[in-house]
């Protein structure tokens, strides 16, 4: 599996290290955003769930932060294949 951002933006094949939690795109280490989160299960109080790691691609991480590092000028021109 190759990184989607590398294939689209840089036109090169780089092995992926994971899959984005939100959109399912394969992502390499350079485009991966890893965050940690601890919280409570929905509707439950008390002890927090242990810290978990979340992996997002550059595009989805950019949507959350307001800056989209993966959205370069070439992204809008990419058309889905049929």
N, C-alpha and C. Protein backbone atom coordinates (compact mmCIF):
# COMPACT_ATOMS: atom_id res chain seq x y z
N UNK A 1 0.85 -1.16 0.00
CA UNK A 1 0.00 0.00 0.00
C UNK A 1 0.91 1.24 0.00
N UNK A 2 0.51 2.24 -0.78
CA UNK A 2 1.31 3.46 -0.86
C UNK A 2 0.53 4.65 -0.29
N UNK A 3 1.26 5.67 0.12
CA UNK A 3 0.66 6.87 0.69
C UNK A 3 -0.12 7.63 -0.38
N UNK A 4 -1.36 7.94 -0.09
CA UNK A 4 -2.20 8.66 -1.05
C UNK A 4 -1.69 10.07 -1.28
N UNK A 5 -1.31 10.78 -0.22
CA UNK A 5 -0.82 12.15 -0.37
C UNK A 5 0.45 12.20 -1.21
N UNK A 6 1.36 11.27 -1.00
CA UNK A 6 2.60 11.23 -1.80
C UNK A 6 2.28 10.94 -3.26
N UNK A 7 1.37 10.03 -3.50
CA UNK A 7 1.02 9.67 -4.88
C UNK A 7 0.35 10.82 -5.61
N UNK A 8 -0.50 11.58 -4.94
CA UNK A 8 -1.24 12.66 -5.57
C UNK A 8 -0.42 13.94 -5.65
N UNK A 9 0.19 14.33 -4.53
CA UNK A 9 0.89 15.61 -4.48
C UNK A 9 2.29 15.55 -5.08
N UNK A 10 3.04 14.51 -4.74
CA UNK A 10 4.44 14.42 -5.15
C UNK A 10 4.67 13.48 -6.34
N UNK A 11 3.63 12.76 -6.71
CA UNK A 11 3.71 11.78 -7.80
C UNK A 11 4.86 10.79 -7.59
N UNK A 12 4.94 10.25 -6.37
CA UNK A 12 5.93 9.22 -6.07
C UNK A 12 5.29 8.17 -5.17
N UNK A 13 5.86 7.00 -5.17
CA UNK A 13 5.31 5.89 -4.39
C UNK A 13 6.11 5.71 -3.12
N UNK A 14 5.49 6.02 -1.98
CA UNK A 14 6.11 5.87 -0.67
C UNK A 14 5.25 4.90 0.13
N UNK A 15 5.86 3.89 0.76
CA UNK A 15 5.07 2.93 1.53
C UNK A 15 4.29 3.60 2.66
N UNK A 16 3.08 3.16 2.87
CA UNK A 16 2.23 3.68 3.94
C UNK A 16 2.57 2.99 5.26
N UNK A 17 2.41 3.74 6.36
CA UNK A 17 2.64 3.17 7.68
C UNK A 17 1.32 2.96 8.43
N UNK A 18 0.23 3.52 7.90
CA UNK A 18 -1.04 3.39 8.58
C UNK A 18 -2.19 3.88 7.71
N UNK A 19 -3.38 3.83 8.29
CA UNK A 19 -4.59 4.24 7.59
C UNK A 19 -5.29 5.31 8.43
N UNK A 20 -5.74 6.37 7.78
CA UNK A 20 -6.41 7.48 8.46
C UNK A 20 -7.68 6.98 9.14
N UNK A 21 -7.85 7.38 10.39
CA UNK A 21 -9.01 6.97 11.17
C UNK A 21 -10.31 7.53 10.60
N UNK A 22 -10.26 8.69 9.95
CA UNK A 22 -11.49 9.32 9.47
C UNK A 22 -11.85 8.94 8.04
N UNK A 23 -10.90 9.02 7.11
CA UNK A 23 -11.26 8.79 5.70
C UNK A 23 -10.76 7.46 5.14
N UNK A 24 -9.86 6.79 5.85
CA UNK A 24 -9.39 5.49 5.39
C UNK A 24 -8.26 5.55 4.39
N UNK A 25 -7.70 6.73 4.14
CA UNK A 25 -6.59 6.86 3.19
C UNK A 25 -5.31 6.32 3.80
N UNK A 26 -4.51 5.65 2.98
CA UNK A 26 -3.21 5.18 3.43
C UNK A 26 -2.29 6.39 3.55
N UNK A 27 -1.46 6.42 4.59
CA UNK A 27 -0.58 7.56 4.81
C UNK A 27 0.81 7.11 5.24
N UNK A 28 1.81 7.86 4.79
CA UNK A 28 3.20 7.57 5.17
C UNK A 28 3.54 8.33 6.45
N UNK A 29 4.73 8.12 6.96
CA UNK A 29 5.13 8.77 8.19
C UNK A 29 5.23 10.29 8.03
N UNK A 30 5.59 10.75 6.86
CA UNK A 30 5.72 12.19 6.63
C UNK A 30 4.36 12.91 6.63
N UNK A 31 3.31 12.23 6.21
CA UNK A 31 1.99 12.85 6.14
C UNK A 31 1.07 12.45 7.30
N UNK A 32 1.50 11.54 8.15
CA UNK A 32 0.67 11.08 9.26
C UNK A 32 0.70 12.07 10.41
N UNK A 33 -0.45 12.28 11.02
CA UNK A 33 -0.58 13.09 12.23
C UNK A 33 -1.05 12.15 13.32
N UNK A 34 -0.25 12.00 14.36
CA UNK A 34 -0.60 11.09 15.44
C UNK A 34 -0.89 11.92 16.68
N UNK A 35 -2.07 11.72 17.26
CA UNK A 35 -2.42 12.44 18.47
C UNK A 35 -2.81 11.44 19.55
N UNK A 36 -2.74 11.88 20.77
CA UNK A 36 -3.12 11.04 21.90
C UNK A 36 -4.38 11.59 22.51
N UNK A 37 -5.21 10.69 22.98
CA UNK A 37 -6.48 11.12 23.55
C UNK A 37 -6.87 10.19 24.70
N UNK A 38 -7.30 10.78 25.79
CA UNK A 38 -7.88 10.02 26.89
C UNK A 38 -9.27 10.60 27.13
N UNK A 39 -10.16 9.78 27.55
CA UNK A 39 -11.51 10.29 27.76
C UNK A 39 -12.36 9.29 28.51
N UNK A 40 -13.63 9.59 28.57
CA UNK A 40 -14.60 8.73 29.23
C UNK A 40 -15.49 8.08 28.18
N UNK A 41 -15.88 6.84 28.40
CA UNK A 41 -16.85 6.23 27.49
C UNK A 41 -18.14 7.06 27.51
N UNK A 42 -18.84 7.07 26.41
CA UNK A 42 -20.07 7.87 26.29
C UNK A 42 -21.06 7.48 27.37
N UNK A 43 -21.56 8.48 28.10
CA UNK A 43 -22.57 8.26 29.12
C UNK A 43 -22.05 7.72 30.43
N UNK A 44 -20.74 7.65 30.60
CA UNK A 44 -20.18 7.09 31.82
C UNK A 44 -19.25 8.09 32.49
N UNK A 45 -19.33 8.17 33.77
CA UNK A 45 -18.41 9.01 34.54
C UNK A 45 -17.43 8.09 35.26
N UNK A 46 -16.46 8.69 35.87
CA UNK A 46 -15.51 7.88 36.63
C UNK A 46 -14.15 7.87 35.98
N UNK A 47 -13.51 6.74 36.01
CA UNK A 47 -12.16 6.63 35.50
C UNK A 47 -12.11 6.85 33.99
N UNK A 48 -11.09 7.54 33.56
CA UNK A 48 -10.91 7.79 32.13
C UNK A 48 -10.39 6.54 31.44
N UNK A 49 -10.72 6.44 30.18
CA UNK A 49 -10.19 5.36 29.35
C UNK A 49 -8.69 5.63 29.17
N UNK A 50 -7.86 4.60 29.13
CA UNK A 50 -6.43 4.83 28.94
C UNK A 50 -6.16 5.63 27.66
N UNK A 51 -5.03 6.29 27.63
CA UNK A 51 -4.65 7.10 26.48
C UNK A 51 -4.55 6.22 25.25
N UNK A 52 -5.15 6.68 24.17
CA UNK A 52 -5.07 5.97 22.89
C UNK A 52 -4.43 6.87 21.85
N UNK A 53 -3.87 6.27 20.84
CA UNK A 53 -3.28 7.03 19.74
C UNK A 53 -4.25 7.04 18.57
N UNK A 54 -4.32 8.19 17.89
CA UNK A 54 -5.16 8.34 16.70
C UNK A 54 -4.26 8.74 15.55
N UNK A 55 -4.46 8.12 14.40
CA UNK A 55 -3.68 8.45 13.22
C UNK A 55 -4.61 9.10 12.20
N UNK A 56 -4.23 10.28 11.72
CA UNK A 56 -4.99 10.98 10.69
C UNK A 56 -4.05 11.30 9.54
N UNK A 57 -4.61 11.36 8.33
CA UNK A 57 -3.82 11.81 7.19
C UNK A 57 -3.67 13.33 7.27
N UNK A 58 -2.81 13.90 6.47
CA UNK A 58 -2.59 15.35 6.48
C UNK A 58 -3.84 16.13 6.15
N UNK A 59 -4.65 15.61 5.25
CA UNK A 59 -5.88 16.31 4.85
C UNK A 59 -6.87 16.38 6.00
N UNK A 60 -7.15 15.25 6.64
CA UNK A 60 -8.12 15.23 7.74
C UNK A 60 -7.60 16.00 8.95
N UNK A 61 -6.31 15.91 9.23
CA UNK A 61 -5.73 16.67 10.34
C UNK A 61 -5.85 18.16 10.05
N UNK A 62 -5.67 18.56 8.81
CA UNK A 62 -5.80 19.96 8.43
C UNK A 62 -7.21 20.47 8.57
N UNK A 63 -8.19 19.62 8.30
CA UNK A 63 -9.59 20.04 8.48
C UNK A 63 -9.89 20.30 9.94
N UNK A 64 -9.26 19.54 10.83
CA UNK A 64 -9.49 19.73 12.26
C UNK A 64 -8.81 20.99 12.78
N UNK A 65 -7.63 21.30 12.26
CA UNK A 65 -6.86 22.43 12.78
C UNK A 65 -7.11 23.71 12.01
N UNK A 66 -7.74 23.63 10.84
CA UNK A 66 -8.00 24.81 10.04
C UNK A 66 -6.95 25.08 8.98
N UNK A 67 -5.83 24.38 9.04
CA UNK A 67 -4.78 24.50 8.03
C UNK A 67 -4.63 23.14 7.38
N UNK A 68 -4.71 23.08 6.09
CA UNK A 68 -4.67 21.79 5.41
C UNK A 68 -3.33 21.61 4.71
N UNK A 69 -2.36 20.97 5.36
CA UNK A 69 -1.03 20.82 4.78
C UNK A 69 -1.01 19.96 3.53
N UNK A 70 -1.97 19.06 3.39
CA UNK A 70 -1.97 18.16 2.23
C UNK A 70 -2.70 18.74 1.04
N UNK A 71 -3.41 19.83 1.23
CA UNK A 71 -4.20 20.39 0.14
C UNK A 71 -3.37 21.39 -0.65
N UNK A 72 -2.59 20.89 -1.55
CA UNK A 72 -1.78 21.74 -2.40
C UNK A 72 -2.56 22.13 -3.63
N UNK A 73 -1.95 22.88 -4.54
CA UNK A 73 -2.66 23.32 -5.73
C UNK A 73 -3.10 22.18 -6.63
N UNK A 74 -2.43 21.03 -6.59
CA UNK A 74 -2.78 19.91 -7.45
C UNK A 74 -3.96 19.12 -6.98
N UNK A 75 -4.35 19.25 -5.71
CA UNK A 75 -5.41 18.42 -5.17
C UNK A 75 -6.75 18.71 -5.81
N UNK A 76 -7.08 19.96 -6.02
CA UNK A 76 -8.38 20.31 -6.59
C UNK A 76 -8.51 19.82 -8.03
N UNK A 77 -7.39 19.65 -8.72
CA UNK A 77 -7.43 19.24 -10.12
C UNK A 77 -7.55 17.73 -10.29
N UNK A 78 -7.38 16.96 -9.22
CA UNK A 78 -7.43 15.51 -9.32
C UNK A 78 -8.87 15.06 -9.46
N UNK A 79 -9.14 14.31 -10.50
CA UNK A 79 -10.48 13.79 -10.74
C UNK A 79 -10.53 12.31 -10.40
N UNK A 80 -11.62 11.83 -9.82
CA UNK A 80 -11.72 10.40 -9.53
C UNK A 80 -11.72 9.58 -10.81
N UNK A 81 -11.04 8.43 -10.75
CA UNK A 81 -11.01 7.56 -11.93
C UNK A 81 -12.32 6.80 -12.04
N UNK A 82 -12.71 6.47 -13.24
CA UNK A 82 -13.98 5.76 -13.46
C UNK A 82 -13.73 4.41 -14.03
